C-alpha cells in the first residue's frame, strides 16, 4: 500500500496543485465580487490549464517542476496540523470580532495598499450607493479618506461631503487628501458615531464602509444615522472579509431594523457586500391635506 502511494505521489502532487489553483480561482472570483468579466474567467481557466500542462510535462520528462517544493510542503502537513492552524486562525478572528476598536492611525498605510484596490475596489462599493450630483453625504468612520475622494467626485457639482471619525489624525489626513485633489465642498468632524454633530435631518446618504463592527455602541450609532437622514433617504453598510470586525448580513439587517430602518437591497457576496436601508417616510393620516400659508 505504501509503495503504491509512493509510486502515485507525483500524480497526487499534480492533483493537489490543481485543487489549490481551483480553490484560489474560486476565492478570487468571489472576492472580486464576480466582476472580473469573461476575460478574467478566461485568464483564470487558462492559468489553471497552463500550470497543469507544465506540471504534466515536467513529470513525464522526469524533471521537477519549479513549484514542486510548494506542493511537497503542503503534503507534509498532517490533517491534524492543518486543522490546528485553521482552528487557531478562526479563534483569533472570532476574538477580534468581539472586541470593537477603531483602526489605528499607523495601520492606514498598510490597509490602503495595492491589495485593497484589487479586493475592495472603490468603484464597486460606491456603485451600490446610488450617488449623484448635489447630494449631501455623511461618511461615518472616514479613516484616512480612501473612499472620501471617490465620493466627493461623484456628488459634484453642488454636493457636500461630511467626514466623521473618532480619531483627530484620521480626520486631518482625510481632509488633506481631499484638499490635495481640489475638493472644497467637504467638512470634517471629530466625533463618535453615536453622537453625530448635526442638529437637523437633511442628509441624503449615510454610509458605514468596513466600520460598523469597530463601533462599540452599534445600535445607538445607527439610530443617530436615522436621526440625521431626511425621510426616505438611504443608509449604506458595506462589510468585507477578512476584516476582523466583519459583520454578517443577518447581524446588520437585524440591527438596522431595530434602529428603525427598512431594508432596501443587499448586493455583493459573502466576501464583500453592501446592504442599503431607507428611513421610513412619515405616514400621513387619512384625510390629511398639507396647508400652505
C-alpha atoms as a PDB file:
ATOM      1  CA  UNK A   1       0.000   0.000   0.000  1.00  0.00           C
ATOM      2  CA  UNK A   2       2.789   2.383   0.961  1.00  0.00           C
ATOM      3  CA  UNK A   3       4.732   1.561  -2.188  1.00  0.00           C
ATOM      4  CA  UNK A   4       1.642   2.177  -4.275  1.00  0.00           C
ATOM      5  CA  UNK A   5       1.155   5.603  -2.652  1.00  0.00           C
ATOM      6  CA  UNK A   6       4.823   6.465  -3.190  1.00  0.00           C
ATOM      7  CA  UNK A   7       4.511   5.493  -6.834  1.00  0.00           C
ATOM      8  CA  UNK A   8       1.442   7.680  -7.192  1.00  0.00           C
ATOM      9  CA  UNK A   9       2.968  10.628  -5.299  1.00  0.00           C
ATOM     10  CA  UNK A  10       3.776  12.703  -8.421  1.00  0.00           C
ATOM     11  CA  UNK A  11       0.189  12.314  -9.581  1.00  0.00           C
ATOM     12  CA  UNK A  12      -1.065  13.165  -6.095  1.00  0.00           C
ATOM     13  CA  UNK A  13       1.070  16.315  -6.184  1.00  0.00           C
ATOM     14  CA  UNK A  14      -0.420  17.174  -9.542  1.00  0.00           C
ATOM     15  CA  UNK A  15      -3.947  16.637  -8.245  1.00  0.00           C
ATOM     16  CA  UNK A  16      -3.205  18.720  -5.146  1.00  0.00           C
ATOM     17  CA  UNK A  17      -1.808  21.529  -7.279  1.00  0.00           C
ATOM     18  CA  UNK A  18      -4.927  21.530  -9.451  1.00  0.00           C
ATOM     19  CA  UNK A  19      -7.125  21.588  -6.338  1.00  0.00           C
ATOM     20  CA  UNK A  20      -5.208  24.515  -4.840  1.00  0.00           C
ATOM     21  CA  UNK A  21      -5.335  26.540  -8.058  1.00  0.00           C
ATOM     22  CA  UNK A  22      -9.030  25.801  -8.465  1.00  0.00           C
ATOM     23  CA  UNK A  23      -9.698  26.916  -4.878  1.00  0.00           C
ATOM     24  CA  UNK A  24      -7.658  30.101  -5.312  1.00  0.00           C
ATOM     25  CA  UNK A  25      -9.500  30.861  -8.551  1.00  0.00           C
ATOM     26  CA  UNK A  26     -12.868  30.384  -6.849  1.00  0.00           C
ATOM     27  CA  UNK A  27     -11.879  32.564  -3.913  1.00  0.00           C
ATOM     28  CA  UNK A  28     -10.541  35.306  -6.171  1.00  0.00           C
ATOM     29  CA  UNK A  29     -13.654  35.215  -8.285  1.00  0.00           C
ATOM     30  CA  UNK A  30     -15.844  35.610  -5.187  1.00  0.00           C
ATOM     31  CA  UNK A  31     -13.546  38.156  -3.589  1.00  0.00           C
ATOM     32  CA  UNK A  32     -13.555  40.225  -6.767  1.00  0.00           C
ATOM     33  CA  UNK A  33     -17.353  40.350  -6.476  1.00  0.00           C
ATOM     34  CA  UNK A  34     -17.921  38.403  -9.678  1.00  0.00           C
ATOM     35  CA  UNK A  35     -16.869  41.468 -11.688  1.00  0.00           C
ATOM     36  CA  UNK A  36     -13.804  40.002 -13.365  1.00  0.00           C
ATOM     37  CA  UNK A  37     -15.782  39.544 -16.583  1.00  0.00           C
ATOM     38  CA  UNK A  38     -15.435  36.926 -19.285  1.00  0.00           C
ATOM     39  CA  UNK A  39     -11.815  37.864 -19.986  1.00  0.00           C
ATOM     40  CA  UNK A  40     -10.939  37.379 -16.311  1.00  0.00           C
ATOM     41  CA  UNK A  41     -12.590  33.966 -16.283  1.00  0.00           C
ATOM     42  CA  UNK A  42     -10.683  33.018 -19.433  1.00  0.00           C
ATOM     43  CA  UNK A  43      -7.395  34.099 -17.823  1.00  0.00           C
ATOM     44  CA  UNK A  44      -8.112  32.033 -14.694  1.00  0.00           C
ATOM     45  CA  UNK A  45      -9.030  28.942 -16.710  1.00  0.00           C
ATOM     46  CA  UNK A  46      -6.002  29.440 -18.959  1.00  0.00           C
ATOM     47  CA  UNK A  47      -3.689  29.770 -15.939  1.00  0.00           C
ATOM     48  CA  UNK A  48      -5.116  26.604 -14.418  1.00  0.00           C
ATOM     49  CA  UNK A  49      -4.769  24.633 -17.644  1.00  0.00           C
ATOM     50  CA  UNK A  50      -1.287  26.021 -18.320  1.00  0.00           C
ATOM     51  CA  UNK A  51       0.102  25.148 -14.896  1.00  0.00           C
ATOM     52  CA  UNK A  52      -1.428  21.674 -15.099  1.00  0.00           C
ATOM     53  CA  UNK A  53       0.043  21.093 -18.569  1.00  0.00           C
ATOM     54  CA  UNK A  54       3.501  22.317 -17.492  1.00  0.00           C
ATOM     55  CA  UNK A  55       3.432  20.126 -14.397  1.00  0.00           C
ATOM     56  CA  UNK A  56       2.454  17.110 -16.513  1.00  0.00           C
ATOM     57  CA  UNK A  57       5.252  17.922 -18.969  1.00  0.00           C
ATOM     58  CA  UNK A  58       7.873  18.137 -16.208  1.00  0.00           C
ATOM     59  CA  UNK A  59       6.594  14.886 -14.706  1.00  0.00           C
ATOM     60  CA  UNK A  60       6.677  12.961 -17.997  1.00  0.00           C
ATOM     61  CA  UNK A  61      10.139  14.298 -18.849  1.00  0.00           C
ATOM     62  CA  UNK A  62      11.449  13.282 -15.425  1.00  0.00           C
ATOM     63  CA  UNK A  63      12.155  16.838 -14.289  1.00  0.00           C
ATOM     64  CA  UNK A  64      10.985  18.597 -11.166  1.00  0.00           C
ATOM     65  CA  UNK A  65       8.560  21.463 -11.654  1.00  0.00           C
ATOM     66  CA  UNK A  66       9.732  24.818 -10.181  1.00  0.00           C
ATOM     67  CA  UNK A  67       6.732  24.845  -7.883  1.00  0.00           C
ATOM     68  CA  UNK A  68       7.116  21.224  -6.739  1.00  0.00           C
ATOM     69  CA  UNK A  69       8.659  22.244  -3.357  1.00  0.00           C
ATOM     70  CA  UNK A  70       5.468  24.146  -2.571  1.00  0.00           C
ATOM     71  CA  UNK A  71       3.272  21.128  -3.204  1.00  0.00           C
ATOM     72  CA  UNK A  72       5.654  18.911  -1.230  1.00  0.00           C
ATOM     73  CA  UNK A  73       5.494  21.350   1.667  1.00  0.00           C
ATOM     74  CA  UNK A  74       1.713  21.282   1.589  1.00  0.00           C
ATOM     75  CA  UNK A  75       1.673  17.489   1.519  1.00  0.00           C
ATOM     76  CA  UNK A  76       3.967  17.294   4.565  1.00  0.00           C
ATOM     77  CA  UNK A  77       1.358  18.927   6.781  1.00  0.00           C
ATOM     78  CA  UNK A  78      -0.721  16.326   8.531  1.00  0.00           C
ATOM     79  CA  UNK A  79      -4.505  16.809   8.648  1.00  0.00           C
ATOM     80  CA  UNK A  80      -4.222  17.453  12.380  1.00  0.00           C
ATOM     81  CA  UNK A  81      -1.687  20.273  11.798  1.00  0.00           C
ATOM     82  CA  UNK A  82      -3.839  21.859   9.123  1.00  0.00           C
ATOM     83  CA  UNK A  83      -6.911  21.715  11.369  1.00  0.00           C
ATOM     84  CA  UNK A  84      -4.919  23.177  14.271  1.00  0.00           C
ATOM     85  CA  UNK A  85      -3.689  26.116  12.185  1.00  0.00           C
ATOM     86  CA  UNK A  86      -7.131  26.758  10.710  1.00  0.00           C
ATOM     87  CA  UNK A  87      -8.770  26.498  14.133  1.00  0.00           C
ATOM     88  CA  UNK A  88      -6.260  28.898  15.685  1.00  0.00           C
ATOM     89  CA  UNK A  89      -6.848  31.480  12.953  1.00  0.00           C
ATOM     90  CA  UNK A  90     -10.603  31.118  13.375  1.00  0.00           C
ATOM     91  CA  UNK A  91     -10.378  31.596  17.153  1.00  0.00           C
ATOM     92  CA  UNK A  92      -8.215  34.718  16.758  1.00  0.00           C
ATOM     93  CA  UNK A  93     -10.662  36.121  14.192  1.00  0.00           C
ATOM     94  CA  UNK A  94     -13.663  35.423  16.452  1.00  0.00           C
ATOM     95  CA  UNK A  95     -11.943  37.088  19.423  1.00  0.00           C
ATOM     96  CA  UNK A  96     -11.030  40.195  17.429  1.00  0.00           C
ATOM     97  CA  UNK A  97     -14.560  40.297  16.036  1.00  0.00           C
ATOM     98  CA  UNK A  98     -15.962  40.681  19.548  1.00  0.00           C
ATOM     99  CA  UNK A  99     -13.514  43.416  20.598  1.00  0.00           C
ATOM    100  CA  UNK A 100     -14.535  46.583  18.752  1.00  0.00           C
ATOM    101  CA  UNK A 101     -11.793  49.158  18.274  1.00  0.00           C
ATOM    102  CA  UNK A 102     -11.064  51.743  15.572  1.00  0.00           C
ATOM    103  CA  UNK A 103      -8.378  51.090  13.021  1.00  0.00           C
ATOM    104  CA  UNK A 104      -5.133  52.601  14.382  1.00  0.00           C
ATOM    105  CA  UNK A 105      -3.725  55.568  12.527  1.00  0.00           C
ATOM    106  CA  UNK A 106      -0.426  53.770  11.833  1.00  0.00           C
ATOM    107  CA  UNK A 107      -2.284  50.897  10.144  1.00  0.00           C
ATOM    108  CA  UNK A 108      -3.797  53.119   7.454  1.00  0.00           C
ATOM    109  CA  UNK A 109      -0.772  52.819   5.171  1.00  0.00           C
ATOM    110  CA  UNK A 110      -0.873  49.005   5.404  1.00  0.00           C
ATOM    111  CA  UNK A 111      -4.617  48.666   4.886  1.00  0.00           C
ATOM    112  CA  UNK A 112      -4.651  51.020   1.910  1.00  0.00           C
ATOM    113  CA  UNK A 113      -2.034  49.100  -0.041  1.00  0.00           C
ATOM    114  CA  UNK A 114      -2.480  47.882  -3.631  1.00  0.00           C
ATOM    115  CA  UNK A 115      -4.249  44.726  -2.435  1.00  0.00           C
ATOM    116  CA  UNK A 116      -7.207  46.815  -1.225  1.00  0.00           C
ATOM    117  CA  UNK A 117      -7.788  48.191  -4.713  1.00  0.00           C
ATOM    118  CA  UNK A 118      -7.784  44.620  -6.006  1.00  0.00           C
ATOM    119  CA  UNK A 119     -10.071  43.032  -3.420  1.00  0.00           C
ATOM    120  CA  UNK A 120     -12.218  46.046  -2.411  1.00  0.00           C
ATOM    121  CA  UNK A 121     -12.387  48.343  -5.458  1.00  0.00           C
ATOM    122  CA  UNK A 122     -13.911  51.699  -4.569  1.00  0.00           C
ATOM    123  CA  UNK A 123     -15.954  51.929  -7.769  1.00  0.00           C
ATOM    124  CA  UNK A 124     -17.766  48.677  -6.950  1.00  0.00           C
ATOM    125  CA  UNK A 125     -18.609  49.794  -3.405  1.00  0.00           C
ATOM    126  CA  UNK A 126     -19.789  53.237  -4.498  1.00  0.00           C
ATOM    127  CA  UNK A 127     -21.808  51.899  -7.439  1.00  0.00           C
ATOM    128  CA  UNK A 128     -24.155  50.316  -4.882  1.00  0.00           C
ATOM    129  CA  UNK A 129     -24.836  53.615  -3.109  1.00  0.00           C
ATOM    130  CA  UNK A 130     -26.691  55.462  -5.884  1.00  0.00           C
ATOM    131  CA  UNK A 131     -24.550  58.586  -5.503  1.00  0.00           C
ATOM    132  CA  UNK A 132     -25.305  61.605  -7.636  1.00  0.00           C
ATOM    133  CA  UNK A 133     -24.593  65.319  -8.102  1.00  0.00           C
ATOM    134  CA  UNK A 134     -25.871  67.653  -5.406  1.00  0.00           C
ATOM    135  CA  UNK A 135     -26.226  65.023  -2.682  1.00  0.00           C
ATOM    136  CA  UNK A 136     -25.387  65.666   0.966  1.00  0.00           C
ATOM    137  CA  UNK A 137     -23.417  62.635   2.138  1.00  0.00           C
ATOM    138  CA  UNK A 138     -22.156  61.660   5.583  1.00  0.00           C
ATOM    139  CA  UNK A 139     -19.282  59.182   5.876  1.00  0.00           C
ATOM    140  CA  UNK A 140     -19.074  57.663   9.352  1.00  0.00           C
ATOM    141  CA  UNK A 141     -15.570  56.408  10.078  1.00  0.00           C
ATOM    142  CA  UNK A 142     -13.807  58.126   7.185  1.00  0.00           C
ATOM    143  CA  UNK A 143     -10.389  56.849   8.230  1.00  0.00           C
ATOM    144  CA  UNK A 144      -7.612  58.181   6.014  1.00  0.00           C
ATOM    145  CA  UNK A 145     -10.054  59.117   3.235  1.00  0.00           C
ATOM    146  CA  UNK A 146      -9.702  56.125   0.913  1.00  0.00           C
ATOM    147  CA  UNK A 147     -13.364  56.332  -0.178  1.00  0.00           C
ATOM    148  CA  UNK A 148     -13.839  60.033   0.582  1.00  0.00           C
ATOM    149  CA  UNK A 149     -12.175  61.287  -2.586  1.00  0.00           C
ATOM    150  CA  UNK A 150     -14.235  58.957  -4.774  1.00  0.00           C
ATOM    151  CA  UNK A 151     -17.464  60.030  -3.050  1.00  0.00           C
ATOM    152  CA  UNK A 152     -16.616  63.731  -3.344  1.00  0.00           C
ATOM    153  CA  UNK A 153     -16.038  63.299  -7.065  1.00  0.00           C
ATOM    154  CA  UNK A 154     -19.381  61.553  -7.602  1.00  0.00           C
ATOM    155  CA  UNK A 155     -21.505  64.162  -5.811  1.00  0.00           C
ATOM    156  CA  UNK A 156     -20.120  67.110  -7.749  1.00  0.00           C
ATOM    157  CA  UNK A 157     -21.331  69.657  -8.642  1.00  0.00           C
ATOM    158  CA  UNK A 158     -23.337  71.037  -5.743  1.00  0.00           C
ATOM    159  CA  UNK A 159     -22.789  68.150  -3.342  1.00  0.00           C
ATOM    160  CA  UNK A 160     -21.471  68.237   0.201  1.00  0.00           C
ATOM    161  CA  UNK A 161     -19.450  65.570   1.998  1.00  0.00           C
ATOM    162  CA  UNK A 162     -19.217  65.340   5.792  1.00  0.00           C
ATOM    163  CA  UNK A 163     -16.364  63.170   7.112  1.00  0.00           C
ATOM    164  CA  UNK A 164     -16.694  61.942  10.697  1.00  0.00           C
ATOM    165  CA  UNK A 165     -14.150  59.923  12.644  1.00  0.00           C
ATOM    166  CA  UNK A 166     -13.352  59.456  16.313  1.00  0.00           C
ATOM    167  CA  UNK A 167      -9.618  59.935  15.688  1.00  0.00           C
ATOM    168  CA  UNK A 168      -8.476  63.531  15.018  1.00  0.00           C
ATOM    169  CA  UNK A 169      -5.462  62.444  12.972  1.00  0.00           C
ATOM    170  CA  UNK A 170      -7.684  60.417  10.660  1.00  0.00           C
ATOM    171  CA  UNK A 171      -9.966  63.389  10.017  1.00  0.00           C
ATOM    172  CA  UNK A 172      -6.951  65.612   9.414  1.00  0.00           C
ATOM    173  CA  UNK A 173      -5.412  63.166   6.956  1.00  0.00           C
ATOM    174  CA  UNK A 174      -8.705  62.683   5.144  1.00  0.00           C
ATOM    175  CA  UNK A 175      -9.235  66.441   4.730  1.00  0.00           C
ATOM    176  CA  UNK A 176      -5.665  66.945   3.492  1.00  0.00           C
ATOM    177  CA  UNK A 177      -6.193  64.188   0.968  1.00  0.00           C
ATOM    178  CA  UNK A 178      -9.385  65.789  -0.306  1.00  0.00           C
ATOM    179  CA  UNK A 179      -7.834  69.248  -0.415  1.00  0.00           C
ATOM    180  CA  UNK A 180      -4.853  67.946  -2.375  1.00  0.00           C
ATOM    181  CA  UNK A 181      -7.238  66.688  -5.059  1.00  0.00           C
ATOM    182  CA  UNK A 182      -9.060  70.001  -5.246  1.00  0.00           C
ATOM    183  CA  UNK A 183     -12.277  69.209  -3.367  1.00  0.00           C
ATOM    184  CA  UNK A 184     -13.672  72.118  -1.360  1.00  0.00           C
ATOM    185  CA  UNK A 185     -17.238  71.115  -0.504  1.00  0.00           C
ATOM    186  CA  UNK A 186     -16.089  68.969   2.416  1.00  0.00           C
ATOM    187  CA  UNK A 187     -16.271  69.301   6.185  1.00  0.00           C
ATOM    188  CA  UNK A 188     -14.569  67.134   8.787  1.00  0.00           C
ATOM    189  CA  UNK A 189     -15.715  66.408  12.338  1.00  0.00           C
ATOM    190  CA  UNK A 190     -14.123  64.559  15.232  1.00  0.00           C
ATOM    191  CA  UNK A 191     -16.994  62.760  16.943  1.00  0.00           C
ATOM    192  CA  UNK A 192     -18.164  59.272  17.960  1.00  0.00           C
ATOM    193  CA  UNK A 193     -20.674  57.553  15.698  1.00  0.00           C
ATOM    194  CA  UNK A 194     -23.354  57.597  18.408  1.00  0.00           C
ATOM    195  CA  UNK A 195     -23.126  61.392  18.855  1.00  0.00           C
ATOM    196  CA  UNK A 196     -23.084  62.930  15.400  1.00  0.00           C
ATOM    197  CA  UNK A 197     -22.554  66.724  15.364  1.00  0.00           C
ATOM    198  CA  UNK A 198     -25.707  67.577  13.403  1.00  0.00           C
ATOM    199  CA  UNK A 199     -28.919  69.151  14.663  1.00  0.00           C
ATOM    200  CA  UNK A 200     -31.083  68.875  11.546  1.00  0.00           C
ATOM    201  CA  UNK A 201     -32.033  65.959   9.355  1.00  0.00           C
ATOM    202  CA  UNK A 202     -31.194  66.835   5.759  1.00  0.00           C
ATOM    203  CA  UNK A 203     -28.620  64.193   4.829  1.00  0.00           C
ATOM    204  CA  UNK A 204     -29.305  62.200   1.639  1.00  0.00           C
ATOM    205  CA  UNK A 205     -26.954  59.309   2.382  1.00  0.00           C
ATOM    206  CA  UNK A 206     -25.112  57.988   5.429  1.00  0.00           C
ATOM    207  CA  UNK A 207     -22.635  55.180   4.863  1.00  0.00           C
ATOM    208  CA  UNK A 208     -20.512  52.890   7.023  1.00  0.00           C
ATOM    209  CA  UNK A 209     -17.785  51.196   4.949  1.00  0.00           C
ATOM    210  CA  UNK A 210     -15.922  48.470   6.893  1.00  0.00           C
ATOM    211  CA  UNK A 211     -16.666  50.435  10.058  1.00  0.00           C
ATOM    212  CA  UNK A 212     -19.805  49.145  11.790  1.00  0.00           C
ATOM    213  CA  UNK A 213     -18.005  46.315  13.591  1.00  0.00           C
ATOM    214  CA  UNK A 214     -15.466  48.781  15.039  1.00  0.00           C
ATOM    215  CA  UNK A 215     -18.183  50.704  16.902  1.00  0.00           C
ATOM    216  CA  UNK A 216     -18.933  49.509  20.467  1.00  0.00           C
ATOM    217  CA  UNK A 217     -22.441  51.022  20.557  1.00  0.00           C
ATOM    218  CA  UNK A 218     -23.687  49.959  17.149  1.00  0.00           C
ATOM    219  CA  UNK A 219     -27.415  50.352  17.756  1.00  0.00           C
ATOM    220  CA  UNK A 220     -27.149  53.943  19.105  1.00  0.00           C
ATOM    221  CA  UNK A 221     -24.872  54.770  16.156  1.00  0.00           C
ATOM    222  CA  UNK A 222     -27.462  53.503  13.682  1.00  0.00           C
ATOM    223  CA  UNK A 223     -30.185  55.459  15.451  1.00  0.00           C
ATOM    224  CA  UNK A 224     -28.033  58.576  15.110  1.00  0.00           C
ATOM    225  CA  UNK A 225     -27.778  57.880  11.388  1.00  0.00           C
ATOM    226  CA  UNK A 226     -31.554  57.567  11.278  1.00  0.00           C
ATOM    227  CA  UNK A 227     -31.908  60.902  13.064  1.00  0.00           C
ATOM    228  CA  UNK A 228     -29.742  62.925  10.658  1.00  0.00           C
ATOM    229  CA  UNK A 229     -31.200  61.427   7.465  1.00  0.00           C
ATOM    230  CA  UNK A 230     -34.115  63.089   5.748  1.00  0.00           C
ATOM    231  CA  UNK A 231     -37.251  60.923   5.375  1.00  0.00           C
ATOM    232  CA  UNK A 232     -36.820  58.448   2.524  1.00  0.00           C
ATOM    233  CA  UNK A 233     -33.017  58.840   2.481  1.00  0.00           C
ATOM    234  CA  UNK A 234     -30.574  55.936   2.462  1.00  0.00           C
ATOM    235  CA  UNK A 235     -28.224  54.228   4.900  1.00  0.00           C
ATOM    236  CA  UNK A 236     -25.493  52.084   3.304  1.00  0.00           C
ATOM    237  CA  UNK A 237     -23.430  49.486   5.195  1.00  0.00           C
ATOM    238  CA  UNK A 238     -20.508  47.732   3.491  1.00  0.00           C
ATOM    239  CA  UNK A 239     -18.672  44.768   5.030  1.00  0.00           C
ATOM    240  CA  UNK A 240     -15.768  42.717   3.666  1.00  0.00           C
ATOM    241  CA  UNK A 241     -13.700  39.708   4.619  1.00  0.00           C
ATOM    242  CA  UNK A 242     -11.082  39.222   6.045  1.00  0.00           C
ATOM    243  CA  UNK A 243     -11.806  42.326   8.135  1.00  0.00           C
ATOM    244  CA  UNK A 244     -11.598  41.127  11.777  1.00  0.00           C
ATOM    245  CA  UNK A 245     -14.642  43.258  12.613  1.00  0.00           C
ATOM    246  CA  UNK A 246     -16.705  41.841   9.754  1.00  0.00           C
ATOM    247  CA  UNK A 247     -20.436  41.681  10.488  1.00  0.00           C
ATOM    248  CA  UNK A 248     -22.641  39.125   8.776  1.00  0.00           C
ATOM    249  CA  UNK A 249     -25.627  40.252   6.740  1.00  0.00           C
ATOM    250  CA  UNK A 250     -28.122  38.880   9.248  1.00  0.00           C
ATOM    251  CA  UNK A 251     -26.481  40.903  12.054  1.00  0.00           C
ATOM    252  CA  UNK A 252     -26.529  44.102  10.016  1.00  0.00           C
ATOM    253  CA  UNK A 253     -30.131  43.663   8.882  1.00  0.00           C
ATOM    254  CA  UNK A 254     -31.302  42.890  12.425  1.00  0.00           C
ATOM    255  CA  UNK A 255     -29.525  45.932  13.919  1.00  0.00           C
ATOM    256  CA  UNK A 256     -30.727  48.329  11.220  1.00  0.00           C
ATOM    257  CA  UNK A 257     -34.322  47.171  11.579  1.00  0.00           C
ATOM    258  CA  UNK A 258     -34.078  47.620  15.350  1.00  0.00           C
ATOM    259  CA  UNK A 259     -32.824  51.155  14.714  1.00  0.00           C
ATOM    260  CA  UNK A 260     -35.918  51.896  12.608  1.00  0.00           C
ATOM    261  CA  UNK A 261     -34.697  51.384   9.035  1.00  0.00           C
ATOM    262  CA  UNK A 262     -36.385  49.462   6.231  1.00  0.00           C
ATOM    263  CA  UNK A 263     -34.284  47.074   4.143  1.00  0.00           C
ATOM    264  CA  UNK A 264     -33.987  48.195   0.514  1.00  0.00           C
ATOM    265  CA  UNK A 265     -31.406  45.845  -1.015  1.00  0.00           C
ATOM    266  CA  UNK A 266     -28.319  43.707  -0.431  1.00  0.00           C
ATOM    267  CA  UNK A 267     -25.708  43.479  -3.193  1.00  0.00           C
ATOM    268  CA  UNK A 268     -22.495  41.508  -3.403  1.00  0.00           C
ATOM    269  CA  UNK A 269     -21.242  38.226  -1.993  1.00  0.00           C
ATOM    270  CA  UNK A 270     -20.250  36.857   1.376  1.00  0.00           C
ATOM    271  CA  UNK A 271     -16.743  38.236   0.877  1.00  0.00           C
ATOM    272  CA  UNK A 272     -17.906  41.768   0.137  1.00  0.00           C
ATOM    273  CA  UNK A 273     -21.464  43.051   0.318  1.00  0.00           C
ATOM    274  CA  UNK A 274     -23.371  46.302   0.699  1.00  0.00           C
ATOM    275  CA  UNK A 275     -26.718  46.477   2.468  1.00  0.00           C
ATOM    276  CA  UNK A 276     -28.913  49.502   1.760  1.00  0.00           C
ATOM    277  CA  UNK A 277     -31.718  50.712   4.015  1.00  0.00           C
ATOM    278  CA  UNK A 278     -34.219  53.553   3.883  1.00  0.00           C
ATOM    279  CA  UNK A 279     -35.507  55.878   6.546  1.00  0.00           C
ATOM    280  CA  UNK A 280     -39.298  55.474   6.538  1.00  0.00           C
ATOM    281  CA  UNK A 281     -41.342  58.425   5.424  1.00  0.00           C
ATOM    282  CA  UNK A 282     -43.952  59.764   7.853  1.00  0.00           C
ATOM    283  CA  UNK A 283     -47.347  58.135   7.429  1.00  0.00           C
ATOM    284  CA  UNK A 284     -49.945  60.794   6.793  1.00  0.00           C
ATOM    285  CA  UNK A 285     -53.314  60.251   8.477  1.00  0.00           C
ATOM    286  CA  UNK A 286     -56.380  59.616   6.316  1.00  0.00           C
ATOM    287  CA  UNK A 287     -57.813  62.853   5.015  1.00  0.00           C
ATOM    288  CA  UNK A 288     -54.654  64.817   5.728  1.00  0.00           C
ATOM    289  CA  UNK A 289     -54.073  67.768   3.406  1.00  0.00           C
ATOM    290  CA  UNK A 290     -50.988  69.987   3.712  1.00  0.00           C
ATOM    291  CA  UNK A 291     -51.651  73.636   4.415  1.00  0.00           C
ATOM    292  CA  UNK A 292     -49.628  76.345   2.784  1.00  0.00           C
ATOM    293  CA  UNK A 293     -49.623  79.848   4.145  1.00  0.00           C
END
